[in-house]
Amino acid sequence: MTGCLRSGWWLAGVAVVMLTACGSKPMNRAPVEDRTSVPARVEMQAPVVPVKQPPGFENAGKAGYYTVKPKDTLIGIGLETGQSHKDIARWNSLENPNRIEVGQVLRVTPPVADSVAVAKPVALGVATATPIAAGPAKPASAPAAAPASTATPSSAPVVTPAATTAAASDDDIAWIWPSSGAVLSGFDETKNKGLDIGGTAGEPILASADGKVVYAGAGLRGYGNLIILKHNNVFLTAYAHNQSLLVKEDQTVKRGQKIAEMGNSDADRVKLHFEVRRQGKPVDPAKYLPTR
């Protein structure tokens, strides 16, 4: 009996020790993530802001278009491309011609529709070369029937071969010297885009050929009081550093007409800076002016 009591006490002691050990050591449990209370992390990305492109950027590099560079003005672009600054403003629907931005692409040739309209008659002219059906013989003294008498109402007017030589006739200009003074500085494609001609203040400056005034003012840096004449679709002339201007834009002038008086505006001395531009490119005026 005594042995059984001792055995029971021993077992009870072992149980107490085991319970005590279990209560003194924490149980290693896997961590539990509570997805209901902690929101999932969302990666935030900066919004994509579209790059603003300058007007006309889709035409960059195309023939007949000009990309605006720093310090460009519409007047200068007209001189560089052989066009009137007013025409460029109209072709590009510029509300304010004084506001153009770097990288903007401008049309500097007439719209395509104008070119197509000019080209159409050329093809029609070939059709008129077909032989006329033979008819009864006529006396030698009788005049030949005019082509217009056989034309149908829908026929277009016949274009003469002169239409194909329009470009050649544009080069056929009778030039004169714009001033009688001595040449101070000759043409240099990089340093001097024209001729510098000396003289006295107030001396008359003459139109070098018939033309139309496409610019008269002082809006182009380095040229002072400037006049630009357009003579045809190929040639422009520029007359810079004048003391006074005697013509206005859109005015038609004749060769030898007094258009300005010599001066030294935006120049180091009294002189005329004279340029000839062929399709906007500066060329040596001495090659076009008569020999003195």
C-alpha atoms as a PDB file:
ATOM      1  CA  MET A   1       0.000   0.000   0.000  1.00  0.00           C
ATOM      2  CA  THR A   2       2.756   2.372   0.929  1.00  0.00           C
ATOM      3  CA  GLY A   3       4.545   1.554  -2.366  1.00  0.00           C
ATOM      4  CA  CYS A   4       1.504   2.445  -4.396  1.00  0.00           C
ATOM      5  CA  LEU A   5       1.196   5.825  -2.676  1.00  0.00           C
ATOM      6  CA  ARG A   6       4.822   6.589  -3.388  1.00  0.00           C
ATOM      7  CA  SER A   7       4.406   5.666  -7.031  1.00  0.00           C
ATOM      8  CA  GLY A   8       1.403   7.949  -7.335  1.00  0.00           C
ATOM      9  CA  TRP A   9       3.219  10.847  -5.762  1.00  0.00           C
ATOM     10  CA  TRP A  10       6.153  10.338  -8.102  1.00  0.00           C
ATOM     11  CA  LEU A  11       3.925  10.330 -11.155  1.00  0.00           C
ATOM     12  CA  ALA A  12       2.106  13.421  -9.917  1.00  0.00           C
ATOM     13  CA  GLY A  13       5.459  15.184  -9.420  1.00  0.00           C
ATOM     14  CA  VAL A  14       6.591  14.336 -12.926  1.00  0.00           C
ATOM     15  CA  ALA A  15       3.320  15.704 -14.310  1.00  0.00           C
ATOM     16  CA  VAL A  16       3.749  18.983 -12.359  1.00  0.00           C
ATOM     17  CA  VAL A  17       7.314  19.357 -13.626  1.00  0.00           C
ATOM     18  CA  MET A  18       6.200  18.762 -17.193  1.00  0.00           C
ATOM     19  CA  LEU A  19       3.360  21.262 -16.933  1.00  0.00           C
ATOM     20  CA  THR A  20       5.700  23.829 -15.436  1.00  0.00           C
ATOM     21  CA  ALA A  21       8.194  23.317 -18.260  1.00  0.00           C
ATOM     22  CA  CYS A  22       5.486  23.673 -20.858  1.00  0.00           C
ATOM     23  CA  GLY A  23       4.238  26.883 -19.313  1.00  0.00           C
ATOM     24  CA  SER A  24       7.712  28.481 -19.036  1.00  0.00           C
ATOM     25  CA  LYS A  25       8.751  28.020 -22.702  1.00  0.00           C
ATOM     26  CA  PRO A  26       6.877  29.782 -25.538  1.00  0.00           C
ATOM     27  CA  MET A  27       5.696  27.642 -28.357  1.00  0.00           C
ATOM     28  CA  ASN A  28       7.276  28.276 -31.765  1.00  0.00           C
ATOM     29  CA  ARG A  29       4.390  29.074 -34.092  1.00  0.00           C
ATOM     30  CA  ALA A  30       4.472  30.154 -37.736  1.00  0.00           C
ATOM     31  CA  PRO A  31       3.616  33.868 -38.133  1.00  0.00           C
ATOM     32  CA  VAL A  32       0.150  34.553 -39.438  1.00  0.00           C
ATOM     33  CA  GLU A  33      -0.370  37.401 -41.909  1.00  0.00           C
ATOM     34  CA  ASP A  34      -3.652  39.175 -41.481  1.00  0.00           C
ATOM     35  CA  ARG A  35      -4.571  40.188 -45.018  1.00  0.00           C
ATOM     36  CA  THR A  36      -7.868  41.648 -43.961  1.00  0.00           C
ATOM     37  CA  SER A  37      -6.415  44.491 -41.886  1.00  0.00           C
ATOM     38  CA  VAL A  38      -3.198  45.398 -43.810  1.00  0.00           C
ATOM     39  CA  PRO A  39      -3.774  46.734 -47.361  1.00  0.00           C
ATOM     40  CA  ALA A  40      -1.615  45.311 -50.131  1.00  0.00           C
ATOM     41  CA  ARG A  41       1.254  47.589 -51.243  1.00  0.00           C
ATOM     42  CA  VAL A  42       0.572  49.317 -54.545  1.00  0.00           C
ATOM     43  CA  GLU A  43       3.451  50.487 -56.739  1.00  0.00           C
ATOM     44  CA  MET A  44       2.809  54.126 -57.695  1.00  0.00           C
ATOM     45  CA  GLN A  45       4.167  55.334 -61.035  1.00  0.00           C
ATOM     46  CA  ALA A  46       4.595  58.922 -62.126  1.00  0.00           C
ATOM     47  CA  PRO A  47       1.987  59.929 -64.723  1.00  0.00           C
ATOM     48  CA  VAL A  48       3.251  60.095 -68.316  1.00  0.00           C
ATOM     49  CA  VAL A  49       3.162  63.707 -69.508  1.00  0.00           C
ATOM     50  CA  PRO A  50       3.028  64.002 -73.315  1.00  0.00           C
ATOM     51  CA  VAL A  51       5.790  66.144 -74.846  1.00  0.00           C
ATOM     52  CA  LYS A  52       4.399  69.236 -76.547  1.00  0.00           C
ATOM     53  CA  GLN A  53       5.584  69.340 -80.129  1.00  0.00           C
ATOM     54  CA  PRO A  54       6.051  72.650 -81.975  1.00  0.00           C
ATOM     55  CA  PRO A  55       3.553  73.517 -84.715  1.00  0.00           C
ATOM     56  CA  GLY A  56       4.150  71.739 -88.003  1.00  0.00           C
ATOM     57  CA  PHE A  57       6.720  69.307 -86.526  1.00  0.00           C
ATOM     58  CA  GLU A  58       5.357  66.502 -88.738  1.00  0.00           C
ATOM     59  CA  ASN A  59       6.730  68.354 -91.815  1.00  0.00           C
ATOM     60  CA  ALA A  60      10.288  68.714 -90.521  1.00  0.00           C
ATOM     61  CA  GLY A  61      12.841  67.874 -93.200  1.00  0.00           C
ATOM     62  CA  LYS A  62      10.361  67.934 -96.071  1.00  0.00           C
ATOM     63  CA  ALA A  63      11.046  69.945 -99.213  1.00  0.00           C
ATOM     64  CA  GLY A  64       9.371  73.343 -99.152  1.00  0.00           C
ATOM     65  CA  TYR A  65       9.420  73.639 -95.352  1.00  0.00           C
ATOM     66  CA  TYR A  66      11.701  75.528 -92.971  1.00  0.00           C
ATOM     67  CA  THR A  67      12.451  74.716 -89.318  1.00  0.00           C
ATOM     68  CA  VAL A  68      12.740  77.845 -87.171  1.00  0.00           C
ATOM     69  CA  LYS A  69      16.109  78.341 -85.480  1.00  0.00           C
ATOM     70  CA  PRO A  70      17.068  80.568 -82.531  1.00  0.00           C
ATOM     71  CA  LYS A  71      16.979  84.320 -83.383  1.00  0.00           C
ATOM     72  CA  ASP A  72      15.008  83.696 -86.589  1.00  0.00           C
ATOM     73  CA  THR A  73      12.405  86.226 -87.686  1.00  0.00           C
ATOM     74  CA  LEU A  74       9.782  85.839 -90.380  1.00  0.00           C
ATOM     75  CA  ILE A  75      11.475  88.620 -92.358  1.00  0.00           C
ATOM     76  CA  GLY A  76      14.800  86.822 -92.248  1.00  0.00           C
ATOM     77  CA  ILE A  77      13.194  83.502 -93.164  1.00  0.00           C
ATOM     78  CA  GLY A  78      11.620  85.208 -96.173  1.00  0.00           C
ATOM     79  CA  LEU A  79      15.031  86.493 -97.266  1.00  0.00           C
ATOM     80  CA  GLU A  80      16.614  83.062 -96.750  1.00  0.00           C
ATOM     81  CA  THR A  81      13.919  81.264 -98.746  1.00  0.00           C
ATOM     82  CA  GLY A  82      13.247  83.875-101.431  1.00  0.00           C
ATOM     83  CA  GLN A  83       9.682  84.573-100.312  1.00  0.00           C
ATOM     84  CA  SER A  84       7.639  87.445 -98.949  1.00  0.00           C
ATOM     85  CA  HIS A  85       7.206  87.299 -95.190  1.00  0.00           C
ATOM     86  CA  LYS A  86       3.527  88.100 -95.745  1.00  0.00           C
ATOM     87  CA  ASP A  87       3.115  85.087 -98.022  1.00  0.00           C
ATOM     88  CA  ILE A  88       4.771  82.818 -95.450  1.00  0.00           C
ATOM     89  CA  ALA A  89       2.452  84.149 -92.749  1.00  0.00           C
ATOM     90  CA  ARG A  90      -0.581  83.502 -94.972  1.00  0.00           C
ATOM     91  CA  TRP A  91       0.481  79.996 -96.042  1.00  0.00           C
ATOM     92  CA  ASN A  92       0.921  79.023 -92.381  1.00  0.00           C
ATOM     93  CA  SER A  93      -2.183  80.847 -91.061  1.00  0.00           C
ATOM     94  CA  LEU A  94      -0.075  82.762 -88.531  1.00  0.00           C
ATOM     95  CA  GLU A  95      -2.320  84.983 -86.417  1.00  0.00           C
ATOM     96  CA  ASN A  96       0.692  86.949 -85.175  1.00  0.00           C
ATOM     97  CA  PRO A  97       3.651  86.883 -87.621  1.00  0.00           C
ATOM     98  CA  ASN A  98       5.912  88.208 -84.879  1.00  0.00           C
ATOM     99  CA  ARG A  99       5.374  85.067 -82.801  1.00  0.00           C
ATOM    100  CA  ILE A 100       7.210  82.017 -84.089  1.00  0.00           C
ATOM    101  CA  GLU A 101       8.962  79.458 -81.897  1.00  0.00           C
ATOM    102  CA  VAL A 102      12.191  77.512 -82.197  1.00  0.00           C
ATOM    103  CA  GLY A 103      11.501  74.144 -83.801  1.00  0.00           C
ATOM    104  CA  GLN A 104       8.330  75.329 -85.511  1.00  0.00           C
ATOM    105  CA  VAL A 105       8.124  74.124 -89.112  1.00  0.00           C
ATOM    106  CA  LEU A 106       6.833  76.625 -91.658  1.00  0.00           C
ATOM    107  CA  ARG A 107       5.724  76.177 -95.247  1.00  0.00           C
ATOM    108  CA  VAL A 108       7.936  78.398 -97.408  1.00  0.00           C
ATOM    109  CA  THR A 109       6.611  77.454-100.847  1.00  0.00           C
ATOM    110  CA  PRO A 110       3.116  77.988-102.273  1.00  0.00           C
ATOM    111  CA  PRO A 111       0.530  75.317-101.425  1.00  0.00           C
ATOM    112  CA  VAL A 112       0.541  72.247-103.667  1.00  0.00           C
ATOM    113  CA  ALA A 113      -2.802  73.193-105.181  1.00  0.00           C
ATOM    114  CA  ASP A 114      -1.185  76.219-106.836  1.00  0.00           C
ATOM    115  CA  SER A 115       1.525  74.073-108.423  1.00  0.00           C
ATOM    116  CA  VAL A 116      -0.992  71.509-109.692  1.00  0.00           C
ATOM    117  CA  ALA A 117      -3.082  74.225-111.298  1.00  0.00           C
ATOM    118  CA  VAL A 118      -0.058  75.457-113.229  1.00  0.00           C
ATOM    119  CA  ALA A 119       1.044  71.980-114.293  1.00  0.00           C
ATOM    120  CA  LYS A 120      -2.293  70.781-115.733  1.00  0.00           C
ATOM    121  CA  PRO A 121      -2.224  72.692-119.077  1.00  0.00           C
ATOM    122  CA  VAL A 122       1.189  71.221-119.997  1.00  0.00           C
ATOM    123  CA  ALA A 123      -0.245  67.707-120.488  1.00  0.00           C
ATOM    124  CA  LEU A 124      -3.203  69.066-122.439  1.00  0.00           C
ATOM    125  CA  GLY A 125      -0.898  70.849-124.843  1.00  0.00           C
ATOM    126  CA  VAL A 126       0.478  67.494-126.065  1.00  0.00           C
ATOM    127  CA  ALA A 127      -2.977  66.369-127.188  1.00  0.00           C
ATOM    128  CA  THR A 128      -3.214  69.264-129.626  1.00  0.00           C
ATOM    129  CA  ALA A 129      -0.277  67.853-131.581  1.00  0.00           C
ATOM    130  CA  THR A 130      -2.388  65.028-133.095  1.00  0.00           C
ATOM    131  CA  PRO A 131      -2.863  65.355-136.881  1.00  0.00           C
ATOM    132  CA  ILE A 132      -6.119  66.848-138.189  1.00  0.00           C
ATOM    133  CA  ALA A 133      -8.235  64.550-140.346  1.00  0.00           C
ATOM    134  CA  ALA A 134      -7.670  65.077-144.057  1.00  0.00           C
ATOM    135  CA  GLY A 135     -10.322  67.059-145.928  1.00  0.00           C
ATOM    136  CA  PRO A 136     -10.845  68.596-149.362  1.00  0.00           C
ATOM    137  CA  ALA A 137      -7.890  70.447-150.739  1.00  0.00           C
ATOM    138  CA  LYS A 138      -7.938  74.207-150.269  1.00  0.00           C
ATOM    139  CA  PRO A 139      -6.357  76.938-152.369  1.00  0.00           C
ATOM    140  CA  ALA A 140      -2.919  77.926-151.217  1.00  0.00           C
ATOM    141  CA  SER A 141      -4.104  81.468-150.598  1.00  0.00           C
ATOM    142  CA  ALA A 142      -6.857  80.386-148.200  1.00  0.00           C
ATOM    143  CA  PRO A 143      -5.874  80.764-144.527  1.00  0.00           C
ATOM    144  CA  ALA A 144      -5.707  77.612-142.448  1.00  0.00           C
ATOM    145  CA  ALA A 145      -8.594  76.988-140.088  1.00  0.00           C
ATOM    146  CA  ALA A 146      -7.928  78.248-136.590  1.00  0.00           C
ATOM    147  CA  PRO A 147      -7.597  75.441-134.033  1.00  0.00           C
ATOM    148  CA  ALA A 148     -10.174  77.194-131.822  1.00  0.00           C
ATOM    149  CA  SER A 149     -12.905  76.638-134.435  1.00  0.00           C
ATOM    150  CA  THR A 150     -12.742  72.850-133.989  1.00  0.00           C
ATOM    151  CA  ALA A 151     -12.431  72.893-130.198  1.00  0.00           C
ATOM    152  CA  THR A 152     -15.279  71.537-128.148  1.00  0.00           C
ATOM    153  CA  PRO A 153     -16.694  73.630-125.288  1.00  0.00           C
ATOM    154  CA  SER A 154     -14.812  71.458-122.788  1.00  0.00           C
ATOM    155  CA  SER A 155     -11.414  71.926-124.438  1.00  0.00           C
ATOM    156  CA  ALA A 156      -8.762  73.768-122.409  1.00  0.00           C
ATOM    157  CA  PRO A 157      -6.728  76.586-123.977  1.00  0.00           C
ATOM    158  CA  VAL A 158      -3.579  75.474-125.758  1.00  0.00           C
ATOM    159  CA  VAL A 159      -0.357  76.153-123.873  1.00  0.00           C
ATOM    160  CA  THR A 160       2.505  77.495-125.944  1.00  0.00           C
ATOM    161  CA  PRO A 161       6.050  76.120-125.551  1.00  0.00           C
ATOM    162  CA  ALA A 162       6.918  79.327-123.650  1.00  0.00           C
ATOM    163  CA  ALA A 163       5.345  77.764-120.556  1.00  0.00           C
ATOM    164  CA  THR A 164       8.124  75.182-120.428  1.00  0.00           C
ATOM    165  CA  THR A 165      10.804  77.888-120.529  1.00  0.00           C
ATOM    166  CA  ALA A 166       9.401  80.012-117.685  1.00  0.00           C
ATOM    167  CA  ALA A 167      12.364  79.181-115.449  1.00  0.00           C
ATOM    168  CA  ALA A 168      14.803  80.305-118.144  1.00  0.00           C
ATOM    169  CA  SER A 169      13.001  83.631-118.592  1.00  0.00           C
ATOM    170  CA  ASP A 170      13.182  84.274-114.830  1.00  0.00           C
ATOM    171  CA  ASP A 171      16.954  84.447-115.206  1.00  0.00           C
ATOM    172  CA  ASP A 172      16.667  86.964-118.032  1.00  0.00           C
ATOM    173  CA  ILE A 173      16.703  90.219-116.041  1.00  0.00           C
ATOM    174  CA  ALA A 174      18.317  93.471-117.131  1.00  0.00           C
ATOM    175  CA  TRP A 175      20.141  94.548-113.974  1.00  0.00           C
ATOM    176  CA  ILE A 176      21.679  97.940-113.142  1.00  0.00           C
ATOM    177  CA  TRP A 177      23.907  99.048-110.307  1.00  0.00           C
ATOM    178  CA  PRO A 178      21.915 100.352-107.325  1.00  0.00           C
ATOM    179  CA  SER A 179      24.553 102.972-106.548  1.00  0.00           C
ATOM    180  CA  SER A 180      27.432 104.609-108.381  1.00  0.00           C
ATOM    181  CA  GLY A 181      29.919 104.377-105.501  1.00  0.00           C
ATOM    182  CA  ALA A 182      33.039 102.235-105.311  1.00  0.00           C
ATOM    183  CA  VAL A 183      32.875  98.659-104.062  1.00  0.00           C
ATOM    184  CA  LEU A 184      34.246  98.559-100.527  1.00  0.00           C
ATOM    185  CA  SER A 185      33.875  94.840 -99.940  1.00  0.00           C
ATOM    186  CA  GLY A 186      33.216  92.020-102.385  1.00  0.00           C
ATOM    187  CA  PHE A 187      31.027  88.962-102.097  1.00  0.00           C
ATOM    188  CA  ASP A 188      31.980  86.159 -99.729  1.00  0.00           C
ATOM    189  CA  GLU A 189      29.516  83.313 -99.153  1.00  0.00           C
ATOM    190  CA  THR A 190      30.329  83.069 -95.434  1.00  0.00           C
ATOM    191  CA  LYS A 191      31.523  86.558 -94.429  1.00  0.00           C
ATOM    192  CA  ASN A 192      29.725  88.950 -96.768  1.00  0.00           C
ATOM    193  CA  LYS A 193      26.593  87.813 -98.592  1.00  0.00           C
ATOM    194  CA  GLY A 194      26.601  90.746-100.999  1.00  0.00           C
ATOM    195  CA  LEU A 195      28.515  93.859-102.041  1.00  0.00           C
ATOM    196  CA  ASP A 196      29.276  96.836 -99.798  1.00  0.00           C
ATOM    197  CA  ILE A 197      29.176 100.012-101.901  1.00  0.00           C
ATOM    198  CA  GLY A 198      30.507 103.310-100.583  1.00  0.00           C
ATOM    199  CA  GLY A 199      29.025 106.771-100.951  1.00  0.00           C
ATOM    200  CA  THR A 200      27.756 109.792 -99.022  1.00  0.00           C
ATOM    201  CA  ALA A 201      24.790 110.132 -96.710  1.00  0.00           C
ATOM    202  CA  GLY A 202      21.610 110.876 -98.628  1.00  0.00           C
ATOM    203  CA  GLU A 203      22.918 109.556-101.939  1.00  0.00           C
ATOM    204  CA  PRO A 204      20.117 107.924-103.981  1.00  0.00           C
ATOM    205  CA  ILE A 205      19.679 104.138-103.891  1.00  0.00           C
ATOM    206  CA  LEU A 206      18.069 102.763-107.061  1.00  0.00           C
ATOM    207  CA  ALA A 207      16.037  99.633-107.734  1.00  0.00           C
ATOM    208  CA  SER A 208      18.343  97.264-109.576  1.00  0.00           C
ATOM    209  CA  ALA A 209      15.460  95.832-111.643  1.00  0.00           C
ATOM    210  CA  ASP A 210      11.681  95.955-111.897  1.00  0.00           C
ATOM    211  CA  GLY A 211      10.017  94.387-108.908  1.00  0.00           C
ATOM    212  CA  LYS A 212       7.677  94.528-105.937  1.00  0.00           C
ATOM    213  CA  VAL A 213       8.545  95.690-102.428  1.00  0.00           C
ATOM    214  CA  VAL A 214       8.092  92.703-100.123  1.00  0.00           C
ATOM    215  CA  TYR A 215       9.723  94.360 -97.106  1.00  0.00           C
ATOM    216  CA  ALA A 216      10.548  97.891 -96.005  1.00  0.00           C
ATOM    217  CA  GLY A 217      11.599  98.428 -92.399  1.00  0.00           C
ATOM    218  CA  ALA A 218      14.223  97.836 -89.729  1.00  0.00           C
ATOM    219  CA  GLY A 219      13.117  94.467 -88.359  1.00  0.00           C
ATOM    220  CA  LEU A 220      16.121  92.393 -89.412  1.00  0.00           C
ATOM    221  CA  ARG A 221      19.121  92.718 -87.121  1.00  0.00           C
ATOM    222  CA  GLY A 222      22.365  93.707 -88.841  1.00  0.00           C
ATOM    223  CA  TYR A 223      20.686  95.285 -91.867  1.00  0.00           C
ATOM    224  CA  GLY A 224      19.412  98.567 -90.459  1.00  0.00           C
ATOM    225  CA  ASN A 225      16.774 100.264 -92.599  1.00  0.00           C
ATOM    226  CA  LEU A 226      16.194  97.582 -95.212  1.00  0.00           C
ATOM    227  CA  ILE A 227      14.296  97.188 -98.475  1.00  0.00           C
ATOM    228  CA  ILE A 228      13.705  93.803-100.122  1.00  0.00           C
ATOM    229  CA  LEU A 229      12.456  93.632-103.708  1.00  0.00           C
ATOM    230  CA  LYS A 230      11.030  90.510-105.334  1.00  0.00           C
ATOM    231  CA  HIS A 231      11.656  90.501-109.073  1.00  0.00           C
ATOM    232  CA  ASN A 232      10.111  87.136-110.027  1.00  0.00           C
ATOM    233  CA  ASN A 233       9.809  83.619-108.633  1.00  0.00           C
ATOM    234  CA  VAL A 234      13.590  83.265-108.580  1.00  0.00           C
ATOM    235  CA  PHE A 235      15.265  86.548-107.622  1.00  0.00           C
ATOM    236  CA  LEU A 236      15.201  88.922-104.653  1.00  0.00           C
ATOM    237  CA  THR A 237      17.439  91.926-104.003  1.00  0.00           C
ATOM    238  CA  ALA A 238      18.153  93.530-100.638  1.00  0.00           C
ATOM    239  CA  TYR A 239      19.269  97.129 -99.934  1.00  0.00           C
ATOM    240  CA  ALA A 240      20.534  97.664 -96.371  1.00  0.00           C
ATOM    241  CA  HIS A 241      21.822 100.432 -94.005  1.00  0.00           C
ATOM    242  CA  ASN A 242      19.711 103.155 -95.591  1.00  0.00           C
ATOM    243  CA  GLN A 243      19.219 106.576 -94.055  1.00  0.00           C
ATOM    244  CA  SER A 244      15.594 106.718 -95.217  1.00  0.00           C
ATOM    245  CA  LEU A 245      13.160 104.493 -97.089  1.00  0.00           C
ATOM    246  CA  LEU A 246      11.086 105.968 -99.912  1.00  0.00           C
ATOM    247  CA  VAL A 247       8.829 103.011-100.791  1.00  0.00           C
ATOM    248  CA  LYS A 248       6.292 100.875 -98.939  1.00  0.00           C
ATOM    249  CA  GLU A 249       5.496  97.165 -98.878  1.00  0.00           C
ATOM    250  CA  ASP A 250       3.460  95.817-101.808  1.00  0.00           C
ATOM    251  CA  GLN A 251       4.481  98.803-103.949  1.00  0.00           C
ATOM    252  CA  THR A 252       5.612  98.079-107.517  1.00  0.00           C
ATOM    253  CA  VAL A 253       8.859  99.748-108.588  1.00  0.00           C
ATOM    254  CA  LYS A 254      10.703 100.170-111.860  1.00  0.00           C
ATOM    255  CA  ARG A 255      14.367  99.627-112.617  1.00  0.00           C
ATOM    256  CA  GLY A 256      16.332 102.780-111.793  1.00  0.00           C
ATOM    257  CA  GLN A 257      13.615 104.179-109.498  1.00  0.00           C
ATOM    258  CA  LYS A 258      14.911 105.876-106.354  1.00  0.00           C
ATOM    259  CA  ILE A 259      13.792 103.691-103.441  1.00  0.00           C
ATOM    260  CA  ALA A 260      15.990 104.897-100.563  1.00  0.00           C
ATOM    261  CA  GLU A 261      18.797 107.208 -99.470  1.00  0.00           C
ATOM    262  CA  MET A 262      22.191 105.889 -98.421  1.00  0.00           C
ATOM    263  CA  GLY A 263      23.018 105.915 -94.717  1.00  0.00           C
ATOM    264  CA  ASN A 264      24.777 104.064 -91.924  1.00  0.00           C
ATOM    265  CA  SER A 265      21.885 102.479 -89.968  1.00  0.00           C
ATOM    266  CA  ASP A 266      23.227  99.451 -88.098  1.00  0.00           C
ATOM    267  CA  ALA A 267      26.597  99.882 -89.838  1.00  0.00           C
ATOM    268  CA  ASP A 268      30.068 101.205 -88.992  1.00  0.00           C
ATOM    269  CA  ARG A 269      30.060 103.727 -91.843  1.00  0.00           C
ATOM    270  CA  VAL A 270      27.903 105.178 -94.614  1.00  0.00           C
ATOM    271  CA  LYS A 271      27.428 102.505 -97.258  1.00  0.00           C
ATOM    272  CA  LEU A 272      24.952 100.375 -99.140  1.00  0.00           C
ATOM    273  CA  HIS A 273      24.951  96.639 -98.504  1.00  0.00           C
ATOM    274  CA  PHE A 274      23.444  95.096-101.650  1.00  0.00           C
ATOM    275  CA  GLU A 275      22.459  91.443-101.997  1.00  0.00           C
ATOM    276  CA  VAL A 276      21.117  89.330-104.843  1.00  0.00           C
ATOM    277  CA  ARG A 277      19.307  86.171-103.765  1.00  0.00           C
ATOM    278  CA  ARG A 278      18.561  83.364-106.199  1.00  0.00           C
ATOM    279  CA  GLN A 279      15.807  81.174-104.721  1.00  0.00           C
ATOM    280  CA  GLY A 280      16.861  82.473-101.325  1.00  0.00           C
ATOM    281  CA  LYS A 281      20.545  81.637-101.716  1.00  0.00           C
ATOM    282  CA  PRO A 282      22.952  84.606-101.777  1.00  0.00           C
ATOM    283  CA  VAL A 283      24.874  84.859-105.038  1.00  0.00           C
ATOM    284  CA  ASP A 284      27.616  87.239-106.185  1.00  0.00           C
ATOM    285  CA  PRO A 285      25.900  90.401-107.485  1.00  0.00           C
ATOM    286  CA  ALA A 286      28.936  91.195-109.605  1.00  0.00           C
ATOM    287  CA  LYS A 287      28.064  88.221-111.839  1.00  0.00           C
ATOM    288  CA  TYR A 288      24.700  89.775-112.690  1.00  0.00           C
ATOM    289  CA  LEU A 289      25.430  93.520-112.737  1.00  0.00           C
ATOM    290  CA  PRO A 290      26.792  95.107-115.934  1.00  0.00           C
ATOM    291  CA  THR A 291      30.489  95.854-116.192  1.00  0.00           C
ATOM    292  CA  ARG A 292      31.295  99.428-115.284  1.00  0.00           C
END
